[in-house]
mmCIF file of all heavy atoms, coordinates in Angstrom:
data_MODEL
# 
_entry.id   MODEL 
# 
loop_
_atom_site.group_PDB 
_atom_site.id 
_atom_site.type_symbol 
_atom_site.label_atom_id 
_atom_site.label_alt_id 
_atom_site.label_comp_id 
_atom_site.label_asym_id 
_atom_site.label_entity_id 
_atom_site.label_seq_id 
_atom_site.pdbx_PDB_ins_code 
_atom_site.Cartn_x 
_atom_site.Cartn_y 
_atom_site.Cartn_z 
_atom_site.occupancy 
_atom_site.B_iso_or_equiv 
_atom_site.pdbx_formal_charge 
_atom_site.auth_seq_id 
_atom_site.auth_comp_id 
_atom_site.auth_asym_id 
_atom_site.auth_atom_id 
_atom_site.pdbx_PDB_model_num 
ATOM 1   N N   . ARG A 1 1  ? 42.487 110.833 25.726 1.00 0.00 ? 1  ARG A N   1 
ATOM 2   C CA  . ARG A 1 1  ? 43.026 112.128 25.147 1.00 0.00 ? 1  ARG A CA  1 
ATOM 3   C C   . ARG A 1 1  ? 42.061 112.730 24.124 1.00 0.00 ? 1  ARG A C   1 
ATOM 4   O O   . ARG A 1 1  ? 42.225 113.904 23.838 1.00 0.00 ? 1  ARG A O   1 
ATOM 5   C CB  . ARG A 1 1  ? 44.369 111.863 24.499 1.00 0.00 ? 1  ARG A CB  1 
ATOM 6   C CG  . ARG A 1 1  ? 45.463 111.570 25.543 1.00 0.00 ? 1  ARG A CG  1 
ATOM 7   C CD  . ARG A 1 1  ? 46.852 111.546 24.867 1.00 0.00 ? 1  ARG A CD  1 
ATOM 8   N NE  . ARG A 1 1  ? 47.874 111.243 25.872 1.00 0.00 ? 1  ARG A NE  1 
ATOM 9   C CZ  . ARG A 1 1  ? 48.489 110.094 25.987 1.00 0.00 ? 1  ARG A CZ  1 
ATOM 10  N NH1 . ARG A 1 1  ? 48.199 109.102 25.152 1.00 0.00 ? 1  ARG A NH1 1 
ATOM 11  N NH2 . ARG A 1 1  ? 49.441 109.920 26.878 1.00 0.00 ? 1  ARG A NH2 1 
ATOM 12  N N   . ASP A 1 2  ? 41.108 111.982 23.635 1.00 0.00 ? 2  ASP A N   1 
ATOM 13  C CA  . ASP A 1 2  ? 40.116 112.586 22.760 1.00 0.00 ? 2  ASP A CA  1 
ATOM 14  C C   . ASP A 1 2  ? 39.060 113.355 23.509 1.00 0.00 ? 2  ASP A C   1 
ATOM 15  O O   . ASP A 1 2  ? 38.279 114.092 22.911 1.00 0.00 ? 2  ASP A O   1 
ATOM 16  C CB  . ASP A 1 2  ? 39.424 111.470 21.937 1.00 0.00 ? 2  ASP A CB  1 
ATOM 17  C CG  . ASP A 1 2  ? 40.388 110.854 20.899 1.00 0.00 ? 2  ASP A CG  1 
ATOM 18  O OD1 . ASP A 1 2  ? 41.336 111.529 20.497 1.00 0.00 ? 2  ASP A OD1 1 
ATOM 19  O OD2 . ASP A 1 2  ? 40.170 109.657 20.519 1.00 0.00 ? 2  ASP A OD2 1 
ATOM 20  N N   . PHE A 1 3  ? 38.969 113.205 24.820 1.00 0.00 ? 3  PHE A N   1 
ATOM 21  C CA  . PHE A 1 3  ? 38.036 113.950 25.624 1.00 0.00 ? 3  PHE A CA  1 
ATOM 22  C C   . PHE A 1 3  ? 38.541 115.356 25.920 1.00 0.00 ? 3  PHE A C   1 
ATOM 23  O O   . PHE A 1 3  ? 39.772 115.572 26.012 1.00 0.00 ? 3  PHE A O   1 
ATOM 24  C CB  . PHE A 1 3  ? 37.778 113.220 26.978 1.00 0.00 ? 3  PHE A CB  1 
ATOM 25  C CG  . PHE A 1 3  ? 37.127 111.917 26.838 1.00 0.00 ? 3  PHE A CG  1 
ATOM 26  C CD1 . PHE A 1 3  ? 37.006 111.051 27.950 1.00 0.00 ? 3  PHE A CD1 1 
ATOM 27  C CD2 . PHE A 1 3  ? 36.560 111.468 25.673 1.00 0.00 ? 3  PHE A CD2 1 
ATOM 28  C CE1 . PHE A 1 3  ? 36.421 109.796 27.865 1.00 0.00 ? 3  PHE A CE1 1 
ATOM 29  C CE2 . PHE A 1 3  ? 35.951 110.242 25.540 1.00 0.00 ? 3  PHE A CE2 1 
ATOM 30  C CZ  . PHE A 1 3  ? 35.880 109.404 26.660 1.00 0.00 ? 3  PHE A CZ  1 
ATOM 31  N N   . SER A 1 4  ? 37.649 116.275 26.135 1.00 0.00 ? 4  SER A N   1 
ATOM 32  C CA  . SER A 1 4  ? 38.009 117.615 26.572 1.00 0.00 ? 4  SER A CA  1 
ATOM 33  C C   . SER A 1 4  ? 38.432 117.518 28.047 1.00 0.00 ? 4  SER A C   1 
ATOM 34  O O   . SER A 1 4  ? 38.058 116.554 28.758 1.00 0.00 ? 4  SER A O   1 
ATOM 35  C CB  . SER A 1 4  ? 36.843 118.577 26.391 1.00 0.00 ? 4  SER A CB  1 
ATOM 36  O OG  . SER A 1 4  ? 35.787 118.193 27.235 1.00 0.00 ? 4  SER A OG  1 
ATOM 37  N N   . GLU A 1 5  ? 39.090 118.530 28.511 1.00 0.00 ? 5  GLU A N   1 
ATOM 38  C CA  . GLU A 1 5  ? 39.502 118.534 29.943 1.00 0.00 ? 5  GLU A CA  1 
ATOM 39  C C   . GLU A 1 5  ? 38.299 118.526 30.856 1.00 0.00 ? 5  GLU A C   1 
ATOM 40  O O   . GLU A 1 5  ? 38.282 117.877 31.930 1.00 0.00 ? 5  GLU A O   1 
ATOM 41  C CB  . GLU A 1 5  ? 40.353 119.785 30.242 1.00 0.00 ? 5  GLU A CB  1 
ATOM 42  C CG  . GLU A 1 5  ? 41.704 119.741 29.580 1.00 0.00 ? 5  GLU A CG  1 
ATOM 43  C CD  . GLU A 1 5  ? 42.581 120.899 29.997 1.00 0.00 ? 5  GLU A CD  1 
ATOM 44  O OE1 . GLU A 1 5  ? 42.170 121.665 30.904 1.00 0.00 ? 5  GLU A OE1 1 
ATOM 45  O OE2 . GLU A 1 5  ? 43.709 121.053 29.418 1.00 0.00 ? 5  GLU A OE2 1 
ATOM 46  N N   . GLU A 1 6  ? 37.202 119.255 30.460 1.00 0.00 ? 6  GLU A N   1 
ATOM 47  C CA  . GLU A 1 6  ? 35.992 119.279 31.266 1.00 0.00 ? 6  GLU A CA  1 
ATOM 48  C C   . GLU A 1 6  ? 35.352 117.881 31.326 1.00 0.00 ? 6  GLU A C   1 
ATOM 49  O O   . GLU A 1 6  ? 34.948 117.452 32.415 1.00 0.00 ? 6  GLU A O   1 
ATOM 50  C CB  . GLU A 1 6  ? 35.043 120.242 30.686 1.00 0.00 ? 6  GLU A CB  1 
ATOM 51  C CG  . GLU A 1 6  ? 33.730 120.363 31.488 1.00 0.00 ? 6  GLU A CG  1 
ATOM 52  C CD  . GLU A 1 6  ? 32.757 121.363 30.890 1.00 0.00 ? 6  GLU A CD  1 
ATOM 53  O OE1 . GLU A 1 6  ? 33.103 121.967 29.835 1.00 0.00 ? 6  GLU A OE1 1 
ATOM 54  O OE2 . GLU A 1 6  ? 31.650 121.577 31.482 1.00 0.00 ? 6  GLU A OE2 1 
ATOM 55  N N   . LYS A 1 7  ? 35.359 117.160 30.224 1.00 0.00 ? 7  LYS A N   1 
ATOM 56  C CA  . LYS A 1 7  ? 34.756 115.839 30.210 1.00 0.00 ? 7  LYS A CA  1 
ATOM 57  C C   . LYS A 1 7  ? 35.584 114.879 31.032 1.00 0.00 ? 7  LYS A C   1 
ATOM 58  O O   . LYS A 1 7  ? 35.012 114.027 31.715 1.00 0.00 ? 7  LYS A O   1 
ATOM 59  C CB  . LYS A 1 7  ? 34.643 115.338 28.768 1.00 0.00 ? 7  LYS A CB  1 
ATOM 60  C CG  . LYS A 1 7  ? 33.843 114.047 28.612 1.00 0.00 ? 7  LYS A CG  1 
ATOM 61  C CD  . LYS A 1 7  ? 33.575 113.682 27.187 1.00 0.00 ? 7  LYS A CD  1 
ATOM 62  C CE  . LYS A 1 7  ? 32.724 112.427 27.090 1.00 0.00 ? 7  LYS A CE  1 
ATOM 63  N NZ  . LYS A 1 7  ? 32.424 112.052 25.654 1.00 0.00 ? 7  LYS A NZ  1 
ATOM 64  N N   . GLN A 1 8  ? 36.894 115.016 31.004 1.00 0.00 ? 8  GLN A N   1 
ATOM 65  C CA  . GLN A 1 8  ? 37.774 114.176 31.821 1.00 0.00 ? 8  GLN A CA  1 
ATOM 66  C C   . GLN A 1 8  ? 37.480 114.370 33.286 1.00 0.00 ? 8  GLN A C   1 
ATOM 67  O O   . GLN A 1 8  ? 37.400 113.426 34.084 1.00 0.00 ? 8  GLN A O   1 
ATOM 68  C CB  . GLN A 1 8  ? 39.249 114.438 31.499 1.00 0.00 ? 8  GLN A CB  1 
ATOM 69  C CG  . GLN A 1 8  ? 39.653 113.959 30.129 1.00 0.00 ? 8  GLN A CG  1 
ATOM 70  C CD  . GLN A 1 8  ? 41.179 114.166 29.919 1.00 0.00 ? 8  GLN A CD  1 
ATOM 71  O OE1 . GLN A 1 8  ? 41.960 114.050 30.843 1.00 0.00 ? 8  GLN A OE1 1 
ATOM 72  N NE2 . GLN A 1 8  ? 41.547 114.502 28.693 1.00 0.00 ? 8  GLN A NE2 1 
ATOM 73  N N   . ARG A 1 9  ? 37.291 115.658 33.677 1.00 0.00 ? 9  ARG A N   1 
ATOM 74  C CA  . ARG A 1 9  ? 36.985 115.958 35.097 1.00 0.00 ? 9  ARG A CA  1 
ATOM 75  C C   . ARG A 1 9  ? 35.652 115.368 35.485 1.00 0.00 ? 9  ARG A C   1 
ATOM 76  O O   . ARG A 1 9  ? 35.487 114.834 36.560 1.00 0.00 ? 9  ARG A O   1 
ATOM 77  C CB  . ARG A 1 9  ? 36.997 117.495 35.326 1.00 0.00 ? 9  ARG A CB  1 
ATOM 78  C CG  . ARG A 1 9  ? 38.438 118.076 35.355 1.00 0.00 ? 9  ARG A CG  1 
ATOM 79  C CD  . ARG A 1 9  ? 38.362 119.490 35.949 1.00 0.00 ? 9  ARG A CD  1 
ATOM 80  N NE  . ARG A 1 9  ? 37.494 120.389 35.141 1.00 0.00 ? 9  ARG A NE  1 
ATOM 81  C CZ  . ARG A 1 9  ? 37.968 121.111 34.099 1.00 0.00 ? 9  ARG A CZ  1 
ATOM 82  N NH1 . ARG A 1 9  ? 39.222 121.040 33.764 1.00 0.00 ? 9  ARG A NH1 1 
ATOM 83  N NH2 . ARG A 1 9  ? 37.163 121.900 33.439 1.00 0.00 ? 9  ARG A NH2 1 
ATOM 84  N N   . ASN A 1 10 ? 34.654 115.519 34.626 1.00 0.00 ? 10 ASN A N   1 
ATOM 85  C CA  . ASN A 1 10 ? 33.316 115.011 34.925 1.00 0.00 ? 10 ASN A CA  1 
ATOM 86  C C   . ASN A 1 10 ? 33.263 113.497 35.064 1.00 0.00 ? 10 ASN A C   1 
ATOM 87  O O   . ASN A 1 10 ? 32.523 112.958 35.893 1.00 0.00 ? 10 ASN A O   1 
ATOM 88  C CB  . ASN A 1 10 ? 32.315 115.492 33.883 1.00 0.00 ? 10 ASN A CB  1 
ATOM 89  C CG  . ASN A 1 10 ? 32.082 116.970 33.883 1.00 0.00 ? 10 ASN A CG  1 
ATOM 90  O OD1 . ASN A 1 10 ? 32.272 117.635 34.912 1.00 0.00 ? 10 ASN A OD1 1 
ATOM 91  N ND2 . ASN A 1 10 ? 31.648 117.522 32.776 1.00 0.00 ? 10 ASN A ND2 1 
ATOM 92  N N   . LEU A 1 11 ? 34.055 112.836 34.245 1.00 0.00 ? 11 LEU A N   1 
ATOM 93  C CA  . LEU A 1 11 ? 34.088 111.359 34.281 1.00 0.00 ? 11 LEU A CA  1 
ATOM 94  C C   . LEU A 1 11 ? 35.110 110.815 35.194 1.00 0.00 ? 11 LEU A C   1 
ATOM 95  O O   . LEU A 1 11 ? 35.176 109.583 35.396 1.00 0.00 ? 11 LEU A O   1 
ATOM 96  C CB  . LEU A 1 11 ? 34.378 110.804 32.825 1.00 0.00 ? 11 LEU A CB  1 
ATOM 97  C CG  . LEU A 1 11 ? 33.303 111.107 31.771 1.00 0.00 ? 11 LEU A CG  1 
ATOM 98  C CD1 . LEU A 1 11 ? 33.804 110.618 30.416 1.00 0.00 ? 11 LEU A CD1 1 
ATOM 99  C CD2 . LEU A 1 11 ? 31.987 110.417 32.159 1.00 0.00 ? 11 LEU A CD2 1 
ATOM 100 N N   . HIS A 1 12 ? 35.924 111.695 35.783 1.00 0.00 ? 12 HIS A N   1 
ATOM 101 C CA  . HIS A 1 12 ? 36.965 111.288 36.719 1.00 0.00 ? 12 HIS A CA  1 
ATOM 102 C C   . HIS A 1 12 ? 37.929 110.332 36.089 1.00 0.00 ? 12 HIS A C   1 
ATOM 103 O O   . HIS A 1 12 ? 38.349 109.305 36.624 1.00 0.00 ? 12 HIS A O   1 
ATOM 104 C CB  . HIS A 1 12 ? 36.356 110.651 37.995 1.00 0.00 ? 12 HIS A CB  1 
ATOM 105 C CG  . HIS A 1 12 ? 35.414 111.545 38.752 1.00 0.00 ? 12 HIS A CG  1 
ATOM 106 N ND1 . HIS A 1 12 ? 35.818 112.622 39.482 1.00 0.00 ? 12 HIS A ND1 1 
ATOM 107 C CD2 . HIS A 1 12 ? 34.048 111.444 38.830 1.00 0.00 ? 12 HIS A CD2 1 
ATOM 108 C CE1 . HIS A 1 12 ? 34.758 113.199 40.023 1.00 0.00 ? 12 HIS A CE1 1 
ATOM 109 N NE2 . HIS A 1 12 ? 33.652 112.539 39.630 1.00 0.00 ? 12 HIS A NE2 1 
ATOM 110 N N   . VAL A 1 13 ? 38.361 110.682 34.871 1.00 0.00 ? 13 VAL A N   1 
ATOM 111 C CA  . VAL A 1 13 ? 39.329 109.891 34.175 1.00 0.00 ? 13 VAL A CA  1 
ATOM 112 C C   . VAL A 1 13 ? 40.472 110.805 33.714 1.00 0.00 ? 13 VAL A C   1 
ATOM 113 O O   . VAL A 1 13 ? 40.268 112.018 33.568 1.00 0.00 ? 13 VAL A O   1 
ATOM 114 C CB  . VAL A 1 13 ? 38.740 109.172 32.952 1.00 0.00 ? 13 VAL A CB  1 
ATOM 115 C CG1 . VAL A 1 13 ? 37.732 108.123 33.371 1.00 0.00 ? 13 VAL A CG1 1 
ATOM 116 C CG2 . VAL A 1 13 ? 38.178 110.124 31.942 1.00 0.00 ? 13 VAL A CG2 1 
ATOM 117 N N   . ARG A 1 14 ? 41.652 110.244 33.506 1.00 0.00 ? 14 ARG A N   1 
ATOM 118 C CA  . ARG A 1 14 ? 42.796 110.998 33.075 1.00 0.00 ? 14 ARG A CA  1 
ATOM 119 C C   . ARG A 1 14 ? 43.789 110.085 32.402 1.00 0.00 ? 14 ARG A C   1 
ATOM 120 O O   . ARG A 1 14 ? 43.821 108.883 32.655 1.00 0.00 ? 14 ARG A O   1 
ATOM 121 C CB  . ARG A 1 14 ? 43.483 111.727 34.254 1.00 0.00 ? 14 ARG A CB  1 
ATOM 122 C CG  . ARG A 1 14 ? 43.872 110.785 35.361 1.00 0.00 ? 14 ARG A CG  1 
ATOM 123 C CD  . ARG A 1 14 ? 44.511 111.533 36.514 1.00 0.00 ? 14 ARG A CD  1 
ATOM 124 N NE  . ARG A 1 14 ? 44.645 110.679 37.693 1.00 0.00 ? 14 ARG A NE  1 
ATOM 125 C CZ  . ARG A 1 14 ? 45.608 109.776 37.871 1.00 0.00 ? 14 ARG A CZ  1 
ATOM 126 N NH1 . ARG A 1 14 ? 46.531 109.654 36.946 1.00 0.00 ? 14 ARG A NH1 1 
ATOM 127 N NH2 . ARG A 1 14 ? 45.665 109.045 38.940 1.00 0.00 ? 14 ARG A NH2 1 
ATOM 128 N N   . ALA A 1 15 ? 44.517 110.649 31.476 1.00 0.00 ? 15 ALA A N   1 
ATOM 129 C CA  . ALA A 1 15 ? 45.577 109.885 30.800 1.00 0.00 ? 15 ALA A CA  1 
ATOM 130 C C   . ALA A 1 15 ? 46.761 109.757 31.787 1.00 0.00 ? 15 ALA A C   1 
ATOM 131 O O   . ALA A 1 15 ? 47.068 110.680 32.518 1.00 0.00 ? 15 ALA A O   1 
ATOM 132 C CB  . ALA A 1 15 ? 46.020 110.559 29.511 1.00 0.00 ? 15 ALA A CB  1 
ATOM 133 N N   . VAL A 1 16 ? 47.365 108.604 31.763 1.00 0.00 ? 16 VAL A N   1 
ATOM 134 C CA  . VAL A 1 16 ? 48.547 108.324 32.639 1.00 0.00 ? 16 VAL A CA  1 
ATOM 135 C C   . VAL A 1 16 ? 49.752 108.103 31.761 1.00 0.00 ? 16 VAL A C   1 
ATOM 136 O O   . VAL A 1 16 ? 49.779 107.099 31.001 1.00 0.00 ? 16 VAL A O   1 
ATOM 137 C CB  . VAL A 1 16 ? 48.308 107.137 33.538 1.00 0.00 ? 16 VAL A CB  1 
ATOM 138 C CG1 . VAL A 1 16 ? 49.504 106.864 34.389 1.00 0.00 ? 16 VAL A CG1 1 
ATOM 139 C CG2 . VAL A 1 16 ? 47.063 107.339 34.425 1.00 0.00 ? 16 VAL A CG2 1 
ATOM 140 N N   . GLU A 1 17 ? 50.714 108.998 31.814 1.00 0.00 ? 17 GLU A N   1 
ATOM 141 C CA  . GLU A 1 17 ? 51.916 108.839 30.995 1.00 0.00 ? 17 GLU A CA  1 
ATOM 142 C C   . GLU A 1 17 ? 52.731 107.637 31.472 1.00 0.00 ? 17 GLU A C   1 
ATOM 143 O O   . GLU A 1 17 ? 52.950 107.440 32.683 1.00 0.00 ? 17 GLU A O   1 
ATOM 144 C CB  . GLU A 1 17 ? 52.802 110.105 31.149 1.00 0.00 ? 17 GLU A CB  1 
ATOM 145 C CG  . GLU A 1 17 ? 53.991 110.070 30.231 1.00 0.00 ? 17 GLU A CG  1 
ATOM 146 C CD  . GLU A 1 17 ? 54.854 111.310 30.352 1.00 0.00 ? 17 GLU A CD  1 
ATOM 147 O OE1 . GLU A 1 17 ? 54.454 112.271 31.017 1.00 0.00 ? 17 GLU A OE1 1 
ATOM 148 O OE2 . GLU A 1 17 ? 55.990 111.299 29.766 1.00 0.00 ? 17 GLU A OE2 1 
ATOM 149 N N   . THR A 1 18 ? 53.156 106.844 30.520 1.00 0.00 ? 18 THR A N   1 
ATOM 150 C CA  . THR A 1 18 ? 53.916 105.653 30.860 1.00 0.00 ? 18 THR A CA  1 
ATOM 151 C C   . THR A 1 18 ? 55.188 105.576 30.008 1.00 0.00 ? 18 THR A C   1 
ATOM 152 O O   . THR A 1 18 ? 55.174 106.019 28.848 1.00 0.00 ? 18 THR A O   1 
ATOM 153 C CB  . THR A 1 18 ? 53.110 104.321 30.638 1.00 0.00 ? 18 THR A CB  1 
ATOM 154 O OG1 . THR A 1 18 ? 52.681 104.269 29.293 1.00 0.00 ? 18 THR A OG1 1 
ATOM 155 C CG2 . THR A 1 18 ? 51.886 104.280 31.554 1.00 0.00 ? 18 THR A CG2 1 
ATOM 156 N N   . LEU A 1 19 ? 56.218 105.052 30.602 1.00 0.00 ? 19 LEU A N   1 
ATOM 157 C CA  . LEU A 1 19 ? 57.460 104.821 29.900 1.00 0.00 ? 19 LEU A CA  1 
ATOM 158 C C   . LEU A 1 19 ? 57.899 103.381 30.243 1.00 0.00 ? 19 LEU A C   1 
ATOM 159 O O   . LEU A 1 19 ? 57.961 103.050 31.457 1.00 0.00 ? 19 LEU A O   1 
ATOM 160 C CB  . LEU A 1 19 ? 58.538 105.827 30.313 1.00 0.00 ? 19 LEU A CB  1 
ATOM 161 C CG  . LEU A 1 19 ? 59.962 105.607 29.680 1.00 0.00 ? 19 LEU A CG  1 
ATOM 162 C CD1 . LEU A 1 19 ? 59.877 105.731 28.174 1.00 0.00 ? 19 LEU A CD1 1 
ATOM 163 C CD2 . LEU A 1 19 ? 60.965 106.610 30.258 1.00 0.00 ? 19 LEU A CD2 1 
ATOM 164 N N   . VAL A 1 20 ? 58.194 102.598 29.261 1.00 0.00 ? 20 VAL A N   1 
ATOM 165 C CA  . VAL A 1 20 ? 58.579 101.204 29.465 1.00 0.00 ? 20 VAL A CA  1 
ATOM 166 C C   . VAL A 1 20 ? 59.992 101.006 28.980 1.00 0.00 ? 20 VAL A C   1 
ATOM 167 O O   . VAL A 1 20 ? 60.398 101.359 27.876 1.00 0.00 ? 20 VAL A O   1 
ATOM 168 C CB  . VAL A 1 20 ? 57.631 100.246 28.701 1.00 0.00 ? 20 VAL A CB  1 
ATOM 169 C CG1 . VAL A 1 20 ? 58.059 98.812  28.964 1.00 0.00 ? 20 VAL A CG1 1 
ATOM 170 C CG2 . VAL A 1 20 ? 56.200 100.468 29.088 1.00 0.00 ? 20 VAL A CG2 1 
ATOM 171 N N   . ILE A 1 21 ? 60.825 100.430 29.832 1.00 0.00 ? 21 ILE A N   1 
ATOM 172 C CA  . ILE A 1 21 ? 62.192 100.036 29.466 1.00 0.00 ? 21 ILE A CA  1 
ATOM 173 C C   . ILE A 1 21 ? 62.281 98.543  29.625 1.00 0.00 ? 21 ILE A C   1 
ATOM 174 O O   . ILE A 1 21 ? 62.097 98.033  30.755 1.00 0.00 ? 21 ILE A O   1 
ATOM 175 C CB  . ILE A 1 21 ? 63.201 100.758 30.362 1.00 0.00 ? 21 ILE A CB  1 
ATOM 176 C CG1 . ILE A 1 21 ? 63.121 102.262 30.213 1.00 0.00 ? 21 ILE A CG1 1 
ATOM 177 C CG2 . ILE A 1 21 ? 64.641 100.281 30.000 1.00 0.00 ? 21 ILE A CG2 1 
ATOM 178 C CD1 . ILE A 1 21 ? 64.063 103.060 31.081 1.00 0.00 ? 21 ILE A CD1 1 
ATOM 179 N N   . SER A 1 22 ? 62.516 97.871  28.532 1.00 0.00 ? 22 SER A N   1 
ATOM 180 C CA  . SER A 1 22 ? 62.600 96.397  28.562 1.00 0.00 ? 22 SER A CA  1 
ATOM 181 C C   . SER A 1 22 ? 63.828 95.912  27.796 1.00 0.00 ? 22 SER A C   1 
ATOM 182 O O   . SER A 1 22 ? 64.428 96.678  27.036 1.00 0.00 ? 22 SER A O   1 
ATOM 183 C CB  . SER A 1 22 ? 61.335 95.799  27.966 1.00 0.00 ? 22 SER A CB  1 
ATOM 184 O OG  . SER A 1 22 ? 61.136 96.233  26.603 1.00 0.00 ? 22 SER A OG  1 
ATOM 185 N N   . PRO A 1 23 ? 64.239 94.686  28.066 1.00 0.00 ? 23 PRO A N   1 
ATOM 186 C CA  . PRO A 1 23 ? 65.503 94.207  27.482 1.00 0.00 ? 23 PRO A CA  1 
ATOM 187 C C   . PRO A 1 23 ? 65.508 94.180  25.923 1.00 0.00 ? 23 PRO A C   1 
ATOM 188 O O   . PRO A 1 23 ? 64.487 93.887  25.314 1.00 0.00 ? 23 PRO A O   1 
ATOM 189 C CB  . PRO A 1 23 ? 65.598 92.758  28.058 1.00 0.00 ? 23 PRO A CB  1 
ATOM 190 C CG  . PRO A 1 23 ? 64.748 92.779  29.271 1.00 0.00 ? 23 PRO A CG  1 
ATOM 191 C CD  . PRO A 1 23 ? 63.632 93.745  28.969 1.00 0.00 ? 23 PRO A CD  1 
ATOM 192 N N   . SER A 1 24 ? 66.630 94.484  25.383 1.00 0.00 ? 24 SER A N   1 
ATOM 193 C CA  . SER A 1 24 ? 66.831 94.432  23.968 1.00 0.00 ? 24 SER A CA  1 
ATOM 194 C C   . SER A 1 24 ? 67.439 93.089  23.558 1.00 0.00 ? 24 SER A C   1 
ATOM 195 O O   . SER A 1 24 ? 67.751 92.887  22.377 1.00 0.00 ? 24 SER A O   1 
ATOM 196 C CB  . SER A 1 24 ? 67.759 95.549  23.500 1.00 0.00 ? 24 SER A CB  1 
ATOM 197 O OG  . SER A 1 24 ? 68.997 95.492  24.174 1.00 0.00 ? 24 SER A OG  1 
ATOM 198 N N   . VAL A 1 25 ? 67.630 92.223  24.544 1.00 0.00 ? 25 VAL A N   1 
ATOM 199 C CA  . VAL A 1 25 ? 68.225 90.910  24.291 1.00 0.00 ? 25 VAL A CA  1 
ATOM 200 C C   . VAL A 1 25 ? 67.342 89.825  24.848 1.00 0.00 ? 25 VAL A C   1 
ATOM 201 O O   . VAL A 1 25 ? 66.416 90.081  25.654 1.00 0.00 ? 25 VAL A O   1 
ATOM 202 C CB  . VAL A 1 25 ? 69.641 90.810  24.921 1.00 0.00 ? 25 VAL A CB  1 
ATOM 203 C CG1 . VAL A 1 25 ? 70.635 91.761  24.234 1.00 0.00 ? 25 VAL A CG1 1 
ATOM 204 C CG2 . VAL A 1 25 ? 69.546 91.093  26.404 1.00 0.00 ? 25 VAL A CG2 1 
# 
């Protein structure tokens, strides 16, 4: 996320949104 969009395209990398649901017990 510290990279510019152009740099992300050039390096072929992207942030992947994740959501984790795990037990509270």
